PDB file of all heavy atoms in Angstrom:
ATOM      1  N   ILE A   1     -43.002  35.172  27.179  1.00  0.00           N
ATOM      2  CA  ILE A   1     -43.831  36.288  26.644  1.00  0.00           C
ATOM      3  C   ILE A   1     -45.270  35.712  26.586  1.00  0.00           C
ATOM      4  O   ILE A   1     -45.442  34.564  26.109  1.00  0.00           O
ATOM      5  CB  ILE A   1     -43.374  36.732  25.254  1.00  0.00           C
ATOM      6  CG1 ILE A   1     -42.068  37.503  25.468  1.00  0.00           C
ATOM      7  CG2 ILE A   1     -44.376  37.733  24.724  1.00  0.00           C
ATOM      8  CD1 ILE A   1     -41.392  37.867  24.087  1.00  0.00           C
ATOM      9  N   VAL A   2     -46.304  36.514  26.905  1.00  0.00           N
ATOM     10  CA  VAL A   2     -47.680  36.108  26.695  1.00  0.00           C
ATOM     11  C   VAL A   2     -48.242  37.137  25.788  1.00  0.00           C
ATOM     12  O   VAL A   2     -48.659  38.284  26.085  1.00  0.00           O
ATOM     13  CB  VAL A   2     -48.459  36.091  28.021  1.00  0.00           C
ATOM     14  CG1 VAL A   2     -49.897  35.725  27.742  1.00  0.00           C
ATOM     15  CG2 VAL A   2     -47.808  35.111  29.049  1.00  0.00           C
ATOM     16  N   GLU A   3     -48.194  36.773  24.446  1.00  0.00           N
ATOM     17  CA  GLU A   3     -48.523  37.815  23.432  1.00  0.00           C
ATOM     18  C   GLU A   3     -49.904  38.261  23.435  1.00  0.00           C
ATOM     19  O   GLU A   3     -50.120  39.443  23.203  1.00  0.00           O
ATOM     20  CB  GLU A   3     -48.293  37.070  22.002  1.00  0.00           C
ATOM     21  CG  GLU A   3     -46.853  36.840  21.717  1.00  0.00           C
ATOM     22  CD  GLU A   3     -46.540  36.302  20.383  1.00  0.00           C
ATOM     23  OE1 GLU A   3     -47.508  36.041  19.585  1.00  0.00           O
ATOM     24  OE2 GLU A   3     -45.345  36.117  20.057  1.00  0.00           O
ATOM     25  N   GLU A   4     -50.923  37.447  23.774  1.00  0.00           N
ATOM     26  CA  GLU A   4     -52.295  37.858  23.856  1.00  0.00           C
ATOM     27  C   GLU A   4     -52.516  38.930  25.002  1.00  0.00           C
ATOM     28  O   GLU A   4     -53.472  39.640  24.961  1.00  0.00           O
ATOM     29  CB  GLU A   4     -53.223  36.732  23.935  1.00  0.00           C
ATOM     30  CG  GLU A   4     -53.097  35.847  25.256  1.00  0.00           C
ATOM     31  CD  GLU A   4     -52.039  34.748  25.098  1.00  0.00           C
ATOM     32  OE1 GLU A   4     -51.240  34.843  24.205  1.00  0.00           O
ATOM     33  OE2 GLU A   4     -52.257  33.752  25.860  1.00  0.00           O
ATOM     34  N   LYS A   5     -51.622  38.912  25.933  1.00  0.00           N
ATOM     35  CA  LYS A   5     -51.716  39.902  27.039  1.00  0.00           C
ATOM     36  C   LYS A   5     -50.800  41.070  26.854  1.00  0.00           C
ATOM     37  O   LYS A   5     -50.763  41.945  27.677  1.00  0.00           O
ATOM     38  CB  LYS A   5     -51.485  39.227  28.380  1.00  0.00           C
ATOM     39  CG  LYS A   5     -52.422  38.068  28.794  1.00  0.00           C
ATOM     40  CD  LYS A   5     -53.763  38.738  29.281  1.00  0.00           C
ATOM     41  CE  LYS A   5     -54.588  37.592  29.884  1.00  0.00           C
ATOM     42  NZ  LYS A   5     -55.849  38.200  30.455  1.00  0.00           N
ATOM     43  N   ASN A   6     -49.994  41.056  25.821  1.00  0.00           N
ATOM     44  CA  ASN A   6     -49.024  42.064  25.563  1.00  0.00           C
ATOM     45  C   ASN A   6     -48.024  42.167  26.686  1.00  0.00           C
ATOM     46  O   ASN A   6     -47.695  43.335  27.085  1.00  0.00           O
ATOM     47  CB  ASN A   6     -49.672  43.452  25.238  1.00  0.00           C
ATOM     48  CG  ASN A   6     -48.824  44.392  24.424  1.00  0.00           C
ATOM     49  OD1 ASN A   6     -47.776  43.935  23.874  1.00  0.00           O
ATOM     50  ND2 ASN A   6     -49.193  45.655  24.450  1.00  0.00           N
ATOM     51  N   THR A   7     -47.623  41.058  27.225  1.00  0.00           N
ATOM     52  CA  THR A   7     -46.826  41.114  28.464  1.00  0.00           C
ATOM     53  C   THR A   7     -45.617  40.227  28.325  1.00  0.00           C
ATOM     54  O   THR A   7     -45.632  39.118  27.801  1.00  0.00           O
ATOM     55  CB  THR A   7     -47.684  40.469  29.562  1.00  0.00           C
ATOM     56  OG1 THR A   7     -48.906  41.292  29.811  1.00  0.00           O
ATOM     57  CG2 THR A   7     -46.900  40.452  30.957  1.00  0.00           C
ATOM     58  N   LYS A   8     -44.503  40.749  28.812  1.00  0.00           N
ATOM     59  CA  LYS A   8     -43.232  40.109  28.779  1.00  0.00           C
ATOM     60  C   LYS A   8     -42.825  39.833  30.259  1.00  0.00           C
ATOM     61  O   LYS A   8     -42.889  40.802  31.073  1.00  0.00           O
ATOM     62  CB  LYS A   8     -42.172  40.919  28.130  1.00  0.00           C
ATOM     63  CG  LYS A   8     -40.775  40.237  28.066  1.00  0.00           C
ATOM     64  CD  LYS A   8     -39.803  41.062  27.352  1.00  0.00           C
ATOM     65  CE  LYS A   8     -38.328  40.447  27.421  1.00  0.00           C
ATOM     66  NZ  LYS A   8     -37.389  41.287  26.628  1.00  0.00           N
ATOM     67  N   TYR A   9     -42.308  38.695  30.586  1.00  0.00           N
ATOM     68  CA  TYR A   9     -41.791  38.401  31.930  1.00  0.00           C
ATOM     69  C   TYR A   9     -40.254  38.063  31.853  1.00  0.00           C
ATOM     70  O   TYR A   9     -39.920  37.339  30.964  1.00  0.00           O
ATOM     71  CB  TYR A   9     -42.532  37.192  32.446  1.00  0.00           C
ATOM     72  CG  TYR A   9     -44.018  37.326  32.575  1.00  0.00           C
ATOM     73  CD1 TYR A   9     -44.883  37.016  31.553  1.00  0.00           C
ATOM     74  CD2 TYR A   9     -44.524  37.730  33.837  1.00  0.00           C
ATOM     75  CE1 TYR A   9     -46.245  37.192  31.702  1.00  0.00           C
ATOM     76  CE2 TYR A   9     -45.899  37.895  33.923  1.00  0.00           C
ATOM     77  CZ  TYR A   9     -46.797  37.710  32.898  1.00  0.00           C
ATOM     78  OH  TYR A   9     -48.138  37.797  33.006  1.00  0.00           O
ATOM     79  N   LEU A  10     -39.627  38.735  32.718  1.00  0.00           N
ATOM     80  CA  LEU A  10     -38.162  38.654  32.693  1.00  0.00           C
ATOM     81  C   LEU A  10     -37.591  38.302  34.090  1.00  0.00           C
ATOM     82  O   LEU A  10     -37.877  38.958  35.131  1.00  0.00           O
ATOM     83  CB  LEU A  10     -37.533  40.035  32.263  1.00  0.00           C
ATOM     84  CG  LEU A  10     -36.044  40.138  32.116  1.00  0.00           C
ATOM     85  CD1 LEU A  10     -35.473  39.074  31.160  1.00  0.00           C
ATOM     86  CD2 LEU A  10     -35.569  41.505  31.757  1.00  0.00           C
ATOM     87  N   GLY A  11     -36.854  37.141  34.197  1.00  0.00           N
ATOM     88  CA  GLY A  11     -36.312  36.726  35.505  1.00  0.00           C
ATOM     89  C   GLY A  11     -34.995  37.309  35.783  1.00  0.00           C
ATOM     90  O   GLY A  11     -34.112  37.151  34.933  1.00  0.00           O
ATOM     91  N   LEU A  12     -34.785  37.999  36.938  1.00  0.00           N
ATOM     92  CA  LEU A  12     -33.512  38.645  37.304  1.00  0.00           C
ATOM     93  C   LEU A  12     -33.403  38.521  38.797  1.00  0.00           C
ATOM     94  O   LEU A  12     -34.305  38.120  39.552  1.00  0.00           O
ATOM     95  CB  LEU A  12     -33.608  40.108  36.969  1.00  0.00           C
ATOM     96  CG  LEU A  12     -33.827  40.407  35.504  1.00  0.00           C
ATOM     97  CD1 LEU A  12     -34.103  42.001  35.413  1.00  0.00           C
ATOM     98  CD2 LEU A  12     -32.588  40.131  34.664  1.00  0.00           C
ATOM     99  N   THR A  13     -32.188  38.760  39.292  1.00  0.00           N
ATOM    100  CA  THR A  13     -31.935  38.869  40.679  1.00  0.00           C
ATOM    101  C   THR A  13     -32.563  40.100  41.240  1.00  0.00           C
ATOM    102  O   THR A  13     -32.996  41.077  40.488  1.00  0.00           O
ATOM    103  CB  THR A  13     -30.405  38.951  41.036  1.00  0.00           C
ATOM    104  OG1 THR A  13     -29.864  40.131  40.553  1.00  0.00           O
ATOM    105  CG2 THR A  13     -29.724  37.682  40.485  1.00  0.00           C
ATOM    106  N   GLU A  14     -32.722  40.259  42.547  1.00  0.00           N
ATOM    107  CA  GLU A  14     -33.289  41.467  43.104  1.00  0.00           C
ATOM    108  C   GLU A  14     -32.528  42.681  42.745  1.00  0.00           C
ATOM    109  O   GLU A  14     -33.114  43.704  42.271  1.00  0.00           O
ATOM    110  CB  GLU A  14     -33.374  41.408  44.625  1.00  0.00           C
ATOM    111  CG  GLU A  14     -34.102  42.689  45.240  1.00  0.00           C
ATOM    112  CD  GLU A  14     -34.083  42.687  46.760  1.00  0.00           C
ATOM    113  OE1 GLU A  14     -33.011  42.240  47.383  1.00  0.00           O
ATOM    114  OE2 GLU A  14     -34.960  43.300  47.360  1.00  0.00           O
ATOM    115  N   SER A  15     -31.182  42.777  42.824  1.00  0.00           N
ATOM    116  CA  SER A  15     -30.454  43.905  42.456  1.00  0.00           C
ATOM    117  C   SER A  15     -30.543  44.284  41.091  1.00  0.00           C
ATOM    118  O   SER A  15     -30.633  45.437  40.603  1.00  0.00           O
ATOM    119  CB  SER A  15     -28.970  43.735  42.767  1.00  0.00           C
ATOM    120  OG  SER A  15     -28.468  42.643  42.192  1.00  0.00           O
ATOM    121  N   GLU A  16     -30.703  43.226  40.131  1.00  0.00           N
ATOM    122  CA  GLU A  16     -30.860  43.480  38.728  1.00  0.00           C
ATOM    123  C   GLU A  16     -32.227  44.049  38.448  1.00  0.00           C
ATOM    124  O   GLU A  16     -32.409  44.970  37.579  1.00  0.00           O
ATOM    125  CB  GLU A  16     -30.663  42.179  37.975  1.00  0.00           C
ATOM    126  CG  GLU A  16     -29.265  41.680  37.872  1.00  0.00           C
ATOM    127  CD  GLU A  16     -29.053  40.290  37.144  1.00  0.00           C
ATOM    128  OE1 GLU A  16     -30.139  39.500  37.374  1.00  0.00           O
ATOM    129  OE2 GLU A  16     -28.005  39.992  36.751  1.00  0.00           O
ATOM    130  N   MET A  17     -33.291  43.590  39.096  1.00  0.00           N
ATOM    131  CA  MET A  17     -34.581  44.079  39.040  1.00  0.00           C
ATOM    132  C   MET A  17     -34.604  45.528  39.398  1.00  0.00           C
ATOM    133  O   MET A  17     -35.171  46.468  38.698  1.00  0.00           O
ATOM    134  CB  MET A  17     -35.574  43.377  39.897  1.00  0.00           C
ATOM    135  CG  MET A  17     -35.990  42.011  39.341  1.00  0.00           C
ATOM    136  SD  MET A  17     -37.392  41.325  40.261  1.00  0.00           S
ATOM    137  CE  MET A  17     -36.652  40.772  41.657  1.00  0.00           C
ATOM    138  N   LEU A  18     -33.882  45.940  40.559  1.00  0.00           N
ATOM    139  CA  LEU A  18     -33.964  47.349  41.013  1.00  0.00           C
ATOM    140  C   LEU A  18     -33.209  48.253  40.032  1.00  0.00           C
ATOM    141  O   LEU A  18     -33.722  49.341  39.779  1.00  0.00           O
ATOM    142  CB  LEU A  18     -33.324  47.274  42.442  1.00  0.00           C
ATOM    143  CG  LEU A  18     -34.160  46.670  43.489  1.00  0.00           C
ATOM    144  CD1 LEU A  18     -33.392  46.538  44.786  1.00  0.00           C
ATOM    145  CD2 LEU A  18     -35.458  47.418  43.768  1.00  0.00           C
ATOM    146  N   ASN A  19     -32.020  47.846  39.529  1.00  0.00           N
ATOM    147  CA  ASN A  19     -31.319  48.589  38.644  1.00  0.00           C
ATOM    148  C   ASN A  19     -32.175  48.848  37.347  1.00  0.00           C
ATOM    149  O   ASN A  19     -32.166  49.976  36.707  1.00  0.00           O
ATOM    150  CB  ASN A  19     -29.997  47.939  38.208  1.00  0.00           C
ATOM    151  CG  ASN A  19     -28.855  48.310  39.127  1.00  0.00           C
ATOM    152  OD1 ASN A  19     -28.632  49.461  39.433  1.00  0.00           O
ATOM    153  ND2 ASN A  19     -28.132  47.233  39.647  1.00  0.00           N
ATOM    154  N   PHE A  20     -32.861  47.746  36.809  1.00  0.00           N
ATOM    155  CA  PHE A  20     -33.613  47.890  35.622  1.00  0.00           C
ATOM    156  C   PHE A  20     -34.825  48.928  35.927  1.00  0.00           C
ATOM    157  O   PHE A  20     -35.099  49.725  35.038  1.00  0.00           O
ATOM    158  CB  PHE A  20     -34.233  46.449  35.272  1.00  0.00           C
ATOM    159  CG  PHE A  20     -34.846  46.451  33.991  1.00  0.00           C
ATOM    160  CD1 PHE A  20     -34.246  45.784  32.932  1.00  0.00           C
ATOM    161  CD2 PHE A  20     -36.079  47.031  33.641  1.00  0.00           C
ATOM    162  CE1 PHE A  20     -34.801  45.587  31.709  1.00  0.00           C
ATOM    163  CE2 PHE A  20     -36.670  46.945  32.338  1.00  0.00           C
ATOM    164  CZ  PHE A  20     -35.996  46.180  31.423  1.00  0.00           C
ATOM    165  N   PHE A  21     -35.494  48.818  37.064  1.00  0.00           N
ATOM    166  CA  PHE A  21     -36.495  49.618  37.332  1.00  0.00           C
ATOM    167  C   PHE A  21     -36.088  51.136  37.361  1.00  0.00           C
ATOM    168  O   PHE A  21     -36.808  52.026  36.736  1.00  0.00           O
ATOM    169  CB  PHE A  21     -37.196  49.373  38.715  1.00  0.00           C
ATOM    170  CG  PHE A  21     -38.204  50.377  39.189  1.00  0.00           C
ATOM    171  CD1 PHE A  21     -39.475  50.419  38.673  1.00  0.00           C
ATOM    172  CD2 PHE A  21     -37.868  51.286  40.152  1.00  0.00           C
ATOM    173  CE1 PHE A  21     -40.388  51.374  38.982  1.00  0.00           C
ATOM    174  CE2 PHE A  21     -38.797  52.320  40.496  1.00  0.00           C
ATOM    175  CZ  PHE A  21     -40.018  52.360  39.945  1.00  0.00           C
ATOM    176  N   TRP A  22     -35.037  51.481  37.990  1.00  0.00           N
ATOM    177  CA  TRP A  22     -34.516  52.896  38.151  1.00  0.00           C
ATOM    178  C   TRP A  22     -34.128  53.423  36.803  1.00  0.00           C
ATOM    179  O   TRP A  22     -34.237  54.565  36.504  1.00  0.00           O
ATOM    180  CB  TRP A  22     -33.482  53.010  39.145  1.00  0.00           C
ATOM    181  CG  TRP A  22     -34.017  52.745  40.556  1.00  0.00           C
ATOM    182  CD1 TRP A  22     -33.703  51.805  41.408  1.00  0.00           C
ATOM    183  CD2 TRP A  22     -35.025  53.596  41.170  1.00  0.00           C
ATOM    184  NE1 TRP A  22     -34.464  51.853  42.544  1.00  0.00           N
ATOM    185  CE2 TRP A  22     -35.249  52.858  42.483  1.00  0.00           C
ATOM    186  CE3 TRP A  22     -35.840  54.624  40.847  1.00  0.00           C
ATOM    187  CZ2 TRP A  22     -36.251  53.359  43.385  1.00  0.00           C
ATOM    188  CZ3 TRP A  22     -36.772  55.135  41.749  1.00  0.00           C
ATOM    189  CH2 TRP A  22     -36.987  54.459  42.973  1.00  0.00           C
ATOM    190  N   ALA A  23     -33.648  52.459  35.877  1.00  0.00           N
ATOM    191  CA  ALA A  23     -33.279  52.883  34.574  1.00  0.00           C
ATOM    192  C   ALA A  23     -34.557  53.403  33.781  1.00  0.00           C
ATOM    193  O   ALA A  23     -34.472  54.247  33.013  1.00  0.00           O
ATOM    194  CB  ALA A  23     -32.606  51.802  33.823  1.00  0.00           C
ATOM    195  N   GLN A  24     -35.581  52.660  34.045  1.00  0.00           N
ATOM    196  CA  GLN A  24     -36.904  52.986  33.377  1.00  0.00           C
ATOM    197  C   GLN A  24     -37.472  54.264  33.977  1.00  0.00           C
ATOM    198  O   GLN A  24     -38.076  55.106  33.329  1.00  0.00           O
ATOM    199  CB  GLN A  24     -37.904  51.815  33.536  1.00  0.00           C
ATOM    200  CG  GLN A  24     -37.520  50.613  32.725  1.00  0.00           C
ATOM    201  CD  GLN A  24     -37.408  50.855  31.298  1.00  0.00           C
ATOM    202  OE1 GLN A  24     -38.323  51.321  30.585  1.00  0.00           O
ATOM    203  NE2 GLN A  24     -36.286  50.478  30.698  1.00  0.00           N
ATOM    204  N   ALA A  25     -37.304  54.331  35.286  1.00  0.00           N
ATOM    205  CA  ALA A  25     -37.870  55.531  36.057  1.00  0.00           C
ATOM    206  C   ALA A  25     -37.225  56.856  35.407  1.00  0.00           C
ATOM    207  O   ALA A  25     -37.981  57.900  35.497  1.00  0.00           O
ATOM    208  CB  ALA A  25     -37.476  55.407  37.594  1.00  0.00           C
ATOM    209  N   LYS A  26     -36.010  56.843  35.057  1.00  0.00           N
ATOM    210  CA  LYS A  26     -35.445  58.089  34.485  1.00  0.00           C
ATOM    211  C   LYS A  26     -36.129  58.560  33.234  1.00  0.00           C
ATOM    212  O   LYS A  26     -36.145  59.712  32.984  1.00  0.00           O
ATOM    213  CB  LYS A  26     -33.876  57.834  34.153  1.00  0.00           C
ATOM    214  CG  LYS A  26     -32.977  57.736  35.259  1.00  0.00           C
ATOM    215  CD  LYS A  26     -31.546  57.805  34.971  1.00  0.00           C
ATOM    216  CE  LYS A  26     -31.070  56.775  33.963  1.00  0.00           C
ATOM    217  NZ  LYS A  26     -29.573  56.838  33.754  1.00  0.00           N
ATOM    218  N   LYS A  27     -36.794  57.598  32.532  1.00  0.00           N
ATOM    219  CA  LYS A  27     -37.467  57.984  31.254  1.00  0.00           C
ATOM    220  C   LYS A  27     -38.954  58.185  31.467  1.00  0.00           C
ATOM    221  O   LYS A  27     -39.608  58.358  30.519  1.00  0.00           O
ATOM    222  CB  LYS A  27     -37.196  56.810  30.216  1.00  0.00           C
ATOM    223  CG  LYS A  27     -35.781  56.587  29.903  1.00  0.00           C
ATOM    224  CD  LYS A  27     -35.501  55.450  28.974  1.00  0.00           C
ATOM    225  CE  LYS A  27     -35.691  54.157  29.539  1.00  0.00           C
ATOM    226  NZ  LYS A  27     -35.448  53.082  28.555  1.00  0.00           N
ATOM    227  N   THR A  28     -39.409  58.141  32.648  1.00  0.00           N
ATOM    228  CA  THR A  28     -40.758  58.168  33.036  1.00  0.00           C
ATOM    229  C   THR A  28     -41.284  59.521  33.400  1.00  0.00           C
ATOM    230  O   THR A  28     -40.648  60.122  34.313  1.00  0.00           O
ATOM    231  CB  THR A  28     -41.176  57.131  34.132  1.00  0.00           C
ATOM    232  OG1 THR A  28     -40.805  55.821  33.723  1.00  0.00           O
ATOM    233  CG2 THR A  28     -42.669  57.160  34.409  1.00  0.00           C
ATOM    234  N   ASP A  29     -42.280  60.046  32.742  1.00  0.00           N
ATOM    235  CA  ASP A  29     -42.884  61.310  33.223  1.00  0.00           C
ATOM    236  C   ASP A  29     -43.763  61.144  34.419  1.00  0.00           C
ATOM    237  O   ASP A  29     -43.729  62.202  35.260  1.00  0.00           O
ATOM    238  CB  ASP A  29     -43.798  61.911  32.088  1.00  0.00           C
ATOM    239  CG  ASP A  29     -43.010  61.992  30.767  1.00  0.00           C
ATOM    240  OD1 ASP A  29     -41.869  62.582  30.788  1.00  0.00           O
ATOM    241  OD2 ASP A  29     -43.501  61.640  29.632  1.00  0.00           O
ATOM    242  N   GLN A  30     -44.425  60.057  34.627  1.00  0.00           N
ATOM    243  CA  GLN A  30     -45.402  59.989  35.728  1.00  0.00           C
ATOM    244  C   GLN A  30     -45.570  58.430  36.083  1.00  0.00           C
ATOM    245  O   GLN A  30     -45.698  57.630  35.084  1.00  0.00           O
ATOM    246  CB  GLN A  30     -46.684  60.612  35.320  1.00  0.00           C
ATOM    247  CG  GLN A  30     -47.731  60.705  36.425  1.00  0.00           C
ATOM    248  CD  GLN A  30     -49.002  61.353  35.885  1.00  0.00           C
ATOM    249  OE1 GLN A  30     -49.743  60.798  35.013  1.00  0.00           O
ATOM    250  NE2 GLN A  30     -49.261  62.543  36.301  1.00  0.00           N
ATOM    251  N   VAL A  31     -45.617  58.138  37.340  1.00  0.00           N
ATOM    252  CA  VAL A  31     -45.963  56.786  37.722  1.00  0.00           C
ATOM    253  C   VAL A  31     -47.325  56.794  38.366  1.00  0.00           C
ATOM    254  O   VAL A  31     -47.682  57.773  39.032  1.00  0.00           O
ATOM    255  CB  VAL A  31     -44.866  56.164  38.692  1.00  0.00           C
ATOM    256  CG1 VAL A  31     -43.586  55.927  38.033  1.00  0.00           C
ATOM    257  CG2 VAL A  31     -44.786  57.000  40.026  1.00  0.00           C
ATOM    258  N   ILE A  32     -48.066  55.730  38.160  1.00  0.00           N
ATOM    259  CA  ILE A  32     -49.358  55.555  38.815  1.00  0.00           C
ATOM    260  C   ILE A  32     -49.341  54.281  39.618  1.00  0.00           C
ATOM    261  O   ILE A  32     -48.849  53.254  39.220  1.00  0.00           O
ATOM    262  CB  ILE A  32     -50.414  55.397  37.670  1.00  0.00           C
ATOM    263  CG1 ILE A  32     -50.595  56.725  36.914  1.00  0.00           C
ATOM    264  CG2 ILE A  32     -51.845  55.089  38.285  1.00  0.00           C
ATOM    265  CD1 ILE A  32     -50.203  56.555  35.388  1.00  0.00           C
ATOM    266  N   THR A  33     -49.802  54.470  40.833  1.00  0.00           N
ATOM    267  CA  THR A  33     -49.815  53.354  41.841  1.00  0.00           C
ATOM    268  C   THR A  33     -51.076  53.179  42.570  1.00  0.00           C
ATOM    269  O   THR A  33     -51.921  54.133  42.504  1.00  0.00           O
ATOM    270  CB  THR A  33     -48.690  53.520  42.835  1.00  0.00           C
ATOM    271  OG1 THR A  33     -48.963  54.600  43.657  1.00  0.00           O
ATOM    272  CG2 THR A  33     -47.339  53.699  42.231  1.00  0.00           C
ATOM    273  N   PHE A  34     -51.229  52.141  43.296  1.00  0.00           N
ATOM    274  CA  PHE A  34     -52.377  51.990  44.206  1.00  0.00           C
ATOM    275  C   PHE A  34     -51.719  51.784  45.601  1.00  0.00           C
ATOM    276  O   PHE A  34     -51.107  50.759  45.829  1.00  0.00           O
ATOM    277  CB  PHE A  34     -53.284  50.783  43.878  1.00  0.00           C
ATOM    278  CG  PHE A  34     -54.414  50.694  44.788  1.00  0.00           C
ATOM    279  CD1 PHE A  34     -55.632  51.385  44.504  1.00  0.00           C
ATOM    280  CD2 PHE A  34     -54.383  49.919  45.929  1.00  0.00           C
ATOM    281  CE1 PHE A  34     -56.721  51.295  45.318  1.00  0.00           C
ATOM    282  CE2 PHE A  34     -55.519  49.848  46.824  1.00  0.00           C
ATOM    283  CZ  PHE A  34     -56.688  50.520  46.484  1.00  0.00           C
ATOM    284  N   ASN A  35     -51.683  52.748  46.414  1.00  0.00           N
ATOM    285  CA  ASN A  35     -51.040  52.809  47.708  1.00  0.00           C
ATOM    286  C   ASN A  35     -49.501  52.806  47.584  1.00  0.00           C
ATOM    287  O   ASN A  35     -48.812  52.372  48.502  1.00  0.00           O
ATOM    288  CB  ASN A  35     -51.446  51.578  48.541  1.00  0.00           C
ATOM    289  CG  ASN A  35     -51.078  51.744  50.094  1.00  0.00           C
ATOM    290  OD1 ASN A  35     -51.137  52.913  50.544  1.00  0.00           O
ATOM    291  ND2 ASN A  35     -50.761  50.750  50.753  1.00  0.00           N
TER     292      ASN A  35
END
């Protein structure tokens, strides 16, 4: 964790990252991207 940046870093395998992301996506009203 980098507290001054309000940022947490979590190491996972690719499949674990993807599962985690889609779990968050279900709770998301809107995503913002660049390209």
